[in-house]
Every structure is written in C-alpha cells, then in structure tokens.
Amino acid sequence: MQTRRHFHEALEGLEISLLGLGELTEQAVSKAVDLLETRDQEQAEALIAGDDIIDERYIDVENRWLELLALQTPVAGDLRLISSILHINLHLERIGDMAVNIAKLIVATRDLPTNKTIVSHLLEMGDVVRHMVRTAMESFARRDLDLALSLPSMDEPVDRLNRGMYREVAACAGDPALLDWAVRMMVVSRQLERVGDQAVDIAEQVAFLLTGEFREFSDASHPDED
C-alpha cells in the first residue's frame, strides 16, 4: 500500500510538472505573437534562449515518466494518464519549438518592410492559438471533456486564415523587399497553424484519458477546401 501511495504521489508531481511546462509554452507562444508587432530583437533573442528551459522541462518530465513506469505496473486508469502525459509533453515541446521558429523569422526580417493586412491576419491567428493552448491544458487540468471537444471549432478560423495567406503574399509581388518579408510571414502563418494543430492533439489526449477511447478530432485524409 505504501508503494502504491508513493506511486500516486509521483504521478501527481509529474502532472504538476506537465502543467508548468504548459504555462511556459503558452507564454512562449504569446511572446512570439507579440513580436509580430514589436519586432523587438532583444525580446526575440530572449525567447530563443528561453527554449533551453522548455527543453530541460520536457526531458525532466520524460525521464520521470520512465522512472514512474518502472516503479510499479499501473492499472488501466493510471496507464491512460501516464500515456497522455507522455504525448502531451511531446506536443508542448513542439509548440515551444514553433514559437522559437517564429522569433527567428522575426529577427531575420526585422529590417524589411511590412504589410498591415498580413500582420493583422497573423495577430488574429496568434490570439486564437495561444488561447487554444491555454484551453487544451485547462481541459487536462480540470478533466473537462466538453472543453477538450471545443478545440476543433476553435481551430477553424486559424486554418482559414492560413489558407488565405498565399493570396495576401502574392499581392506583395510588386515590391521585392516586401515580397521577401511576406514569403517568410507565410512560414510564420504555417507555424501558428501548427501550434493550433498541436493544441487539438493535446485535446485528443484529454478525451482519450477521460473516455478510454482514442479518436482523431479531424480527418486529415479529407482536407478542408478553400
């Protein structure tokens, strides 16, 4: 019984660490989105350097996950939680990488001209995806299935804006410097779209944790049409 209690204490500590990692990655996304307006190189470099902390937290959770699994054979409910933690941990680390990618693109294009419409669309996407990351992690913390199931509908405007980015970029073709910036902002758009996808993936793990059944919230074999 004592070993079982220690197991659950360790599992609870692992969950707390994962929630802390979620906060760090949400902050990274928020800072990356803010850079679209400020183009502040010092803040961008701080965000890039800060990814080391996210990576360290990710590795720590993974190592503790392995130790926990070796400690005792978990029952079905615990096994689902352990599995969900492993997958969510990976999705959060990837989100951190995407925030860094955005920051690097901001640094690389800092001296280029910009387009207000493209910036506005990216900011709109950014506001949605950082809220999606927060909502996905809240659904995990609260064990809220309805909240998890809300993620796909939240992702729809992000996908729509990402699909429309090509037209906005093509409109910049008359100015080589502006086009250079716009093409890289299309990459930023894709990174934001991927953050939204990762948040949906986290919600899928929450649904699996709560129902015992895994299903994808969207069918990648039938992509949305423009």
C-alpha atoms as a PDB file:
ATOM      1  CA  MET A   1       0.000   0.000   0.000  1.00  0.00           C
ATOM      2  CA  GLN A   2       2.843   2.387   0.808  1.00  0.00           C
ATOM      3  CA  THR A   3       4.456   1.743  -2.568  1.00  0.00           C
ATOM      4  CA  ARG A   4       1.121   2.476  -4.217  1.00  0.00           C
ATOM      5  CA  ARG A   5       0.832   5.758  -2.318  1.00  0.00           C
ATOM      6  CA  HIS A   6       4.315   6.784  -3.400  1.00  0.00           C
ATOM      7  CA  PHE A   7       3.382   5.899  -6.962  1.00  0.00           C
ATOM      8  CA  HIS A   8       0.378   8.195  -6.927  1.00  0.00           C
ATOM      9  CA  GLU A   9       2.353  10.970  -5.273  1.00  0.00           C
ATOM     10  CA  ALA A  10       4.970  10.700  -8.010  1.00  0.00           C
ATOM     11  CA  LEU A  11       2.242  10.645 -10.652  1.00  0.00           C
ATOM     12  CA  GLU A  12       0.661  13.769  -9.180  1.00  0.00           C
ATOM     13  CA  GLY A  13       4.049  15.507  -9.166  1.00  0.00           C
ATOM     14  CA  LEU A  14       4.550  14.554 -12.798  1.00  0.00           C
ATOM     15  CA  GLU A  15       1.186  16.052 -13.710  1.00  0.00           C
ATOM     16  CA  ILE A  16       2.054  19.284 -11.898  1.00  0.00           C
ATOM     17  CA  SER A  17       5.330  19.485 -13.816  1.00  0.00           C
ATOM     18  CA  LEU A  18       3.473  18.984 -17.092  1.00  0.00           C
ATOM     19  CA  LEU A  19       1.064  21.806 -16.262  1.00  0.00           C
ATOM     20  CA  GLY A  20       4.056  24.016 -15.513  1.00  0.00           C
ATOM     21  CA  LEU A  21       5.515  23.164 -18.907  1.00  0.00           C
ATOM     22  CA  GLY A  22       2.179  24.081 -20.439  1.00  0.00           C
ATOM     23  CA  GLU A  23       2.391  27.528 -18.866  1.00  0.00           C
ATOM     24  CA  LEU A  24       5.911  28.021 -20.227  1.00  0.00           C
ATOM     25  CA  THR A  25       4.934  27.074 -23.755  1.00  0.00           C
ATOM     26  CA  GLU A  26       1.826  29.241 -23.658  1.00  0.00           C
ATOM     27  CA  GLN A  27       3.998  32.174 -22.593  1.00  0.00           C
ATOM     28  CA  ALA A  28       6.441  31.422 -25.417  1.00  0.00           C
ATOM     29  CA  VAL A  29       3.648  31.493 -27.992  1.00  0.00           C
ATOM     30  CA  SER A  30       2.276  34.714 -26.524  1.00  0.00           C
ATOM     31  CA  LYS A  31       5.693  36.372 -26.705  1.00  0.00           C
ATOM     32  CA  ALA A  32       6.199  35.170 -30.266  1.00  0.00           C
ATOM     33  CA  VAL A  33       2.856  36.672 -31.303  1.00  0.00           C
ATOM     34  CA  ASP A  34       3.719  39.978 -29.630  1.00  0.00           C
ATOM     35  CA  LEU A  35       6.937  40.107 -31.665  1.00  0.00           C
ATOM     36  CA  LEU A  36       4.876  40.367 -34.846  1.00  0.00           C
ATOM     37  CA  GLU A  37       4.046  43.911 -33.778  1.00  0.00           C
ATOM     38  CA  THR A  38       7.099  44.999 -31.800  1.00  0.00           C
ATOM     39  CA  ARG A  39       9.825  43.304 -33.918  1.00  0.00           C
ATOM     40  CA  ASP A  40      11.998  43.705 -30.832  1.00  0.00           C
ATOM     41  CA  GLN A  41      15.262  41.859 -31.437  1.00  0.00           C
ATOM     42  CA  GLU A  42      16.253  41.704 -27.773  1.00  0.00           C
ATOM     43  CA  GLN A  43      12.928  40.126 -26.820  1.00  0.00           C
ATOM     44  CA  ALA A  44      13.166  37.728 -29.756  1.00  0.00           C
ATOM     45  CA  GLU A  45      16.641  36.597 -28.712  1.00  0.00           C
ATOM     46  CA  ALA A  46      15.432  36.140 -25.131  1.00  0.00           C
ATOM     47  CA  LEU A  47      12.599  33.963 -26.379  1.00  0.00           C
ATOM     48  CA  ILE A  48      15.002  31.861 -28.452  1.00  0.00           C
ATOM     49  CA  ALA A  49      17.373  31.424 -25.499  1.00  0.00           C
ATOM     50  CA  GLY A  50      14.451  30.580 -23.217  1.00  0.00           C
ATOM     51  CA  ASP A  51      13.698  27.467 -25.247  1.00  0.00           C
ATOM     52  CA  ASP A  52      16.505  25.721 -23.364  1.00  0.00           C
ATOM     53  CA  ILE A  53      14.331  25.847 -20.240  1.00  0.00           C
ATOM     54  CA  ILE A  54      11.390  24.302 -22.103  1.00  0.00           C
ATOM     55  CA  ASP A  55      13.649  21.556 -23.446  1.00  0.00           C
ATOM     56  CA  GLU A  56      15.025  20.858 -19.965  1.00  0.00           C
ATOM     57  CA  ARG A  57      11.493  20.620 -18.520  1.00  0.00           C
ATOM     58  CA  TYR A  58      10.471  18.338 -21.377  1.00  0.00           C
ATOM     59  CA  ILE A  59      13.416  15.984 -20.747  1.00  0.00           C
ATOM     60  CA  ASP A  60      12.771  16.048 -16.990  1.00  0.00           C
ATOM     61  CA  VAL A  61       9.137  15.004 -17.466  1.00  0.00           C
ATOM     62  CA  GLU A  62      10.178  12.249 -19.876  1.00  0.00           C
ATOM     63  CA  ASN A  63      12.838  10.884 -17.510  1.00  0.00           C
ATOM     64  CA  ARG A  64      10.475  10.938 -14.537  1.00  0.00           C
ATOM     65  CA  TRP A  65       7.824   9.257 -16.690  1.00  0.00           C
ATOM     66  CA  LEU A  66      10.228   6.387 -17.377  1.00  0.00           C
ATOM     67  CA  GLU A  67      11.146   6.082 -13.704  1.00  0.00           C
ATOM     68  CA  LEU A  68       7.477   6.078 -12.747  1.00  0.00           C
ATOM     69  CA  LEU A  69       6.639   3.352 -15.225  1.00  0.00           C
ATOM     70  CA  ALA A  70       9.480   1.213 -13.859  1.00  0.00           C
ATOM     71  CA  LEU A  71       8.311   1.717 -10.265  1.00  0.00           C
ATOM     72  CA  GLN A  72       5.076  -0.216 -10.469  1.00  0.00           C
ATOM     73  CA  THR A  73       2.769  -1.714 -13.077  1.00  0.00           C
ATOM     74  CA  PRO A  74      -0.057   0.844 -13.368  1.00  0.00           C
ATOM     75  CA  VAL A  75      -3.731  -0.098 -13.501  1.00  0.00           C
ATOM     76  CA  ALA A  76      -5.835   0.896 -16.519  1.00  0.00           C
ATOM     77  CA  GLY A  77      -6.789   4.404 -15.338  1.00  0.00           C
ATOM     78  CA  ASP A  78      -3.247   5.252 -14.294  1.00  0.00           C
ATOM     79  CA  LEU A  79      -1.881   3.847 -17.537  1.00  0.00           C
ATOM     80  CA  ARG A  80      -4.095   6.169 -19.573  1.00  0.00           C
ATOM     81  CA  LEU A  81      -2.896   9.145 -17.542  1.00  0.00           C
ATOM     82  CA  ILE A  82       0.745   8.141 -17.928  1.00  0.00           C
ATOM     83  CA  SER A  83       0.278   7.671 -21.672  1.00  0.00           C
ATOM     84  CA  SER A  84      -1.474  11.044 -22.001  1.00  0.00           C
ATOM     85  CA  ILE A  85       1.283  12.795 -20.071  1.00  0.00           C
ATOM     86  CA  LEU A  86       3.913  11.351 -22.415  1.00  0.00           C
ATOM     87  CA  HIS A  87       2.102  12.541 -25.527  1.00  0.00           C
ATOM     88  CA  ILE A  88       1.123  15.958 -24.163  1.00  0.00           C
ATOM     89  CA  ASN A  89       4.708  16.517 -23.057  1.00  0.00           C
ATOM     90  CA  LEU A  90       5.893  15.977 -26.642  1.00  0.00           C
ATOM     91  CA  HIS A  91       3.223  18.271 -28.093  1.00  0.00           C
ATOM     92  CA  LEU A  92       4.209  21.042 -25.673  1.00  0.00           C
ATOM     93  CA  GLU A  93       7.879  20.747 -26.588  1.00  0.00           C
ATOM     94  CA  ARG A  94       6.963  21.052 -30.251  1.00  0.00           C
ATOM     95  CA  ILE A  95       4.888  24.158 -29.541  1.00  0.00           C
ATOM     96  CA  GLY A  96       7.930  25.682 -27.858  1.00  0.00           C
ATOM     97  CA  ASP A  97       9.977  24.966 -30.979  1.00  0.00           C
ATOM     98  CA  MET A  98       7.362  26.655 -33.160  1.00  0.00           C
ATOM     99  CA  ALA A  99       7.453  29.788 -31.001  1.00  0.00           C
ATOM    100  CA  VAL A 100      11.233  29.836 -31.437  1.00  0.00           C
ATOM    101  CA  ASN A 101      10.889  29.433 -35.201  1.00  0.00           C
ATOM    102  CA  ILE A 102       8.608  32.472 -35.300  1.00  0.00           C
ATOM    103  CA  ALA A 103      11.069  34.507 -33.234  1.00  0.00           C
ATOM    104  CA  LYS A 104      13.924  33.579 -35.587  1.00  0.00           C
ATOM    105  CA  LEU A 105      11.881  34.663 -38.600  1.00  0.00           C
ATOM    106  CA  ILE A 106      11.111  37.982 -36.912  1.00  0.00           C
ATOM    107  CA  VAL A 107      14.830  38.576 -36.331  1.00  0.00           C
ATOM    108  CA  ALA A 108      15.664  37.646 -39.929  1.00  0.00           C
ATOM    109  CA  THR A 109      13.087  40.082 -41.361  1.00  0.00           C
ATOM    110  CA  ARG A 110      13.453  42.888 -38.841  1.00  0.00           C
ATOM    111  CA  ASP A 111      14.730  45.433 -41.386  1.00  0.00           C
ATOM    112  CA  LEU A 112      12.297  44.579 -44.176  1.00  0.00           C
ATOM    113  CA  PRO A 113       9.076  46.492 -44.949  1.00  0.00           C
ATOM    114  CA  THR A 114       5.787  45.022 -43.703  1.00  0.00           C
ATOM    115  CA  ASN A 115       2.169  44.768 -44.796  1.00  0.00           C
ATOM    116  CA  LYS A 116      -0.561  45.750 -42.323  1.00  0.00           C
ATOM    117  CA  THR A 117      -3.080  43.241 -43.635  1.00  0.00           C
ATOM    118  CA  ILE A 118      -0.696  40.308 -43.275  1.00  0.00           C
ATOM    119  CA  VAL A 119       0.360  41.406 -39.794  1.00  0.00           C
ATOM    120  CA  SER A 120      -3.298  41.771 -38.804  1.00  0.00           C
ATOM    121  CA  HIS A 121      -4.112  38.260 -40.019  1.00  0.00           C
ATOM    122  CA  LEU A 122      -1.114  36.800 -38.187  1.00  0.00           C
ATOM    123  CA  LEU A 123      -2.063  38.586 -34.977  1.00  0.00           C
ATOM    124  CA  GLU A 124      -5.595  37.227 -35.287  1.00  0.00           C
ATOM    125  CA  MET A 125      -4.218  33.723 -35.744  1.00  0.00           C
ATOM    126  CA  GLY A 126      -1.843  34.221 -32.828  1.00  0.00           C
ATOM    127  CA  ASP A 127      -4.581  35.360 -30.466  1.00  0.00           C
ATOM    128  CA  VAL A 128      -6.580  32.240 -31.267  1.00  0.00           C
ATOM    129  CA  VAL A 129      -3.765  29.705 -30.980  1.00  0.00           C
ATOM    130  CA  ARG A 130      -2.408  30.984 -27.673  1.00  0.00           C
ATOM    131  CA  HIS A 131      -5.950  30.718 -26.289  1.00  0.00           C
ATOM    132  CA  MET A 132      -6.155  27.216 -27.752  1.00  0.00           C
ATOM    133  CA  VAL A 133      -3.006  26.131 -25.912  1.00  0.00           C
ATOM    134  CA  ARG A 134      -4.408  27.506 -22.658  1.00  0.00           C
ATOM    135  CA  THR A 135      -7.781  25.846 -23.228  1.00  0.00           C
ATOM    136  CA  ALA A 136      -6.234  22.482 -24.076  1.00  0.00           C
ATOM    137  CA  MET A 137      -4.170  22.497 -20.892  1.00  0.00           C
ATOM    138  CA  GLU A 138      -7.165  23.645 -18.847  1.00  0.00           C
ATOM    139  CA  SER A 139      -9.171  20.727 -20.200  1.00  0.00           C
ATOM    140  CA  PHE A 140      -6.405  18.419 -18.959  1.00  0.00           C
ATOM    141  CA  ALA A 141      -6.092  20.070 -15.551  1.00  0.00           C
ATOM    142  CA  ARG A 142      -9.858  20.087 -14.990  1.00  0.00           C
ATOM    143  CA  ARG A 143     -10.549  16.753 -16.714  1.00  0.00           C
ATOM    144  CA  ASP A 144     -13.135  18.611 -18.788  1.00  0.00           C
ATOM    145  CA  LEU A 145     -14.235  16.632 -21.846  1.00  0.00           C
ATOM    146  CA  ASP A 146     -16.514  19.361 -23.205  1.00  0.00           C
ATOM    147  CA  LEU A 147     -13.646  21.832 -23.103  1.00  0.00           C
ATOM    148  CA  ALA A 148     -11.407  19.388 -24.949  1.00  0.00           C
ATOM    149  CA  LEU A 149     -14.084  18.839 -27.582  1.00  0.00           C
ATOM    150  CA  SER A 150     -14.277  22.600 -28.211  1.00  0.00           C
ATOM    151  CA  LEU A 151     -10.750  22.725 -29.672  1.00  0.00           C
ATOM    152  CA  PRO A 152     -11.560  21.708 -33.279  1.00  0.00           C
ATOM    153  CA  SER A 153     -14.067  24.541 -33.717  1.00  0.00           C
ATOM    154  CA  MET A 154     -11.570  26.976 -32.224  1.00  0.00           C
ATOM    155  CA  ASP A 155      -9.052  25.829 -34.842  1.00  0.00           C
ATOM    156  CA  GLU A 156     -11.291  26.560 -37.833  1.00  0.00           C
ATOM    157  CA  PRO A 157     -10.523  30.316 -38.164  1.00  0.00           C
ATOM    158  CA  VAL A 158      -6.804  29.572 -37.845  1.00  0.00           C
ATOM    159  CA  ASP A 159      -6.954  27.129 -40.741  1.00  0.00           C
ATOM    160  CA  ARG A 160      -8.998  29.578 -42.802  1.00  0.00           C
ATOM    161  CA  LEU A 161      -6.559  32.445 -42.249  1.00  0.00           C
ATOM    162  CA  ASN A 162      -3.607  30.206 -43.036  1.00  0.00           C
ATOM    163  CA  ARG A 163      -5.184  29.095 -46.317  1.00  0.00           C
ATOM    164  CA  GLY A 164      -5.808  32.721 -47.270  1.00  0.00           C
ATOM    165  CA  MET A 165      -2.243  33.833 -46.579  1.00  0.00           C
ATOM    166  CA  TYR A 166      -0.990  32.883 -50.046  1.00  0.00           C
ATOM    167  CA  ARG A 167      -3.258  35.453 -51.699  1.00  0.00           C
ATOM    168  CA  GLU A 168      -2.024  38.200 -49.371  1.00  0.00           C
ATOM    169  CA  VAL A 169       1.592  37.269 -50.057  1.00  0.00           C
ATOM    170  CA  ALA A 170       1.040  37.176 -53.821  1.00  0.00           C
ATOM    171  CA  ALA A 171      -0.323  40.728 -53.637  1.00  0.00           C
ATOM    172  CA  CYS A 172       3.127  41.881 -52.457  1.00  0.00           C
ATOM    173  CA  ALA A 173       4.861  40.680 -55.637  1.00  0.00           C
ATOM    174  CA  GLY A 174       5.426  44.214 -56.951  1.00  0.00           C
ATOM    175  CA  ASP A 175       7.923  45.057 -54.203  1.00  0.00           C
ATOM    176  CA  PRO A 176      10.873  42.619 -53.935  1.00  0.00           C
ATOM    177  CA  ALA A 177      11.778  43.592 -50.353  1.00  0.00           C
ATOM    178  CA  LEU A 178       8.156  43.401 -49.231  1.00  0.00           C
ATOM    179  CA  LEU A 179       7.736  40.065 -51.002  1.00  0.00           C
ATOM    180  CA  ASP A 180      10.815  38.719 -49.207  1.00  0.00           C
ATOM    181  CA  TRP A 181       9.211  39.615 -45.881  1.00  0.00           C
ATOM    182  CA  ALA A 182       5.783  38.318 -46.913  1.00  0.00           C
ATOM    183  CA  VAL A 183       7.090  34.912 -48.011  1.00  0.00           C
ATOM    184  CA  ARG A 184       8.669  34.428 -44.597  1.00  0.00           C
ATOM    185  CA  MET A 185       5.459  35.544 -42.925  1.00  0.00           C
ATOM    186  CA  MET A 186       3.729  32.741 -44.815  1.00  0.00           C
ATOM    187  CA  VAL A 187       6.083  30.425 -42.903  1.00  0.00           C
ATOM    188  CA  VAL A 188       5.071  32.186 -39.671  1.00  0.00           C
ATOM    189  CA  SER A 189       1.444  31.564 -40.615  1.00  0.00           C
ATOM    190  CA  ARG A 190       2.191  27.879 -41.055  1.00  0.00           C
ATOM    191  CA  GLN A 191       3.922  27.738 -37.677  1.00  0.00           C
ATOM    192  CA  LEU A 192       0.894  29.312 -35.984  1.00  0.00           C
ATOM    193  CA  GLU A 193      -1.388  26.869 -37.779  1.00  0.00           C
ATOM    194  CA  ARG A 194       0.764  24.019 -36.465  1.00  0.00           C
ATOM    195  CA  VAL A 195       0.519  25.374 -32.913  1.00  0.00           C
ATOM    196  CA  GLY A 196      -3.242  25.121 -33.281  1.00  0.00           C
ATOM    197  CA  ASP A 197      -2.901  21.552 -34.523  1.00  0.00           C
ATOM    198  CA  GLN A 198      -0.739  20.637 -31.534  1.00  0.00           C
ATOM    199  CA  ALA A 199      -3.356  22.103 -29.181  1.00  0.00           C
ATOM    200  CA  VAL A 200      -6.013  19.945 -30.859  1.00  0.00           C
ATOM    201  CA  ASP A 201      -3.720  16.926 -30.443  1.00  0.00           C
ATOM    202  CA  ILE A 202      -3.457  17.676 -26.714  1.00  0.00           C
ATOM    203  CA  ALA A 203      -7.248  17.804 -26.508  1.00  0.00           C
ATOM    204  CA  GLU A 204      -7.415  14.412 -28.225  1.00  0.00           C
ATOM    205  CA  GLN A 205      -5.204  13.019 -25.464  1.00  0.00           C
ATOM    206  CA  VAL A 206      -7.517  14.504 -22.835  1.00  0.00           C
ATOM    207  CA  ALA A 207     -10.505  12.851 -24.499  1.00  0.00           C
ATOM    208  CA  PHE A 208      -8.623   9.548 -24.509  1.00  0.00           C
ATOM    209  CA  LEU A 209      -7.785   9.967 -20.831  1.00  0.00           C
ATOM    210  CA  LEU A 210     -11.422  10.586 -19.924  1.00  0.00           C
ATOM    211  CA  THR A 211     -13.160   8.087 -22.202  1.00  0.00           C
ATOM    212  CA  GLY A 212     -10.601   5.344 -22.722  1.00  0.00           C
ATOM    213  CA  GLU A 213     -11.103   5.624 -26.478  1.00  0.00           C
ATOM    214  CA  PHE A 214      -8.755   7.446 -28.844  1.00  0.00           C
ATOM    215  CA  ARG A 215     -10.099   9.168 -31.917  1.00  0.00           C
ATOM    216  CA  GLU A 216      -8.813  11.985 -34.066  1.00  0.00           C
ATOM    217  CA  PHE A 217     -10.931  15.132 -33.932  1.00  0.00           C
ATOM    218  CA  SER A 218     -10.357  15.827 -37.637  1.00  0.00           C
ATOM    219  CA  ASP A 219      -9.797  13.653 -40.669  1.00  0.00           C
ATOM    220  CA  ALA A 220      -6.508  14.592 -42.322  1.00  0.00           C
ATOM    221  CA  SER A 221      -7.401  12.484 -45.357  1.00  0.00           C
ATOM    222  CA  HIS A 222     -10.187  14.929 -46.206  1.00  0.00           C
ATOM    223  CA  PRO A 223      -8.651  18.405 -46.037  1.00  0.00           C
ATOM    224  CA  ASP A 224     -10.876  21.454 -45.925  1.00  0.00           C
ATOM    225  CA  GLU A 225     -11.454  23.249 -49.164  1.00  0.00           C
ATOM    226  CA  ASP A 226     -10.777  26.963 -49.668  1.00  0.00           C
END
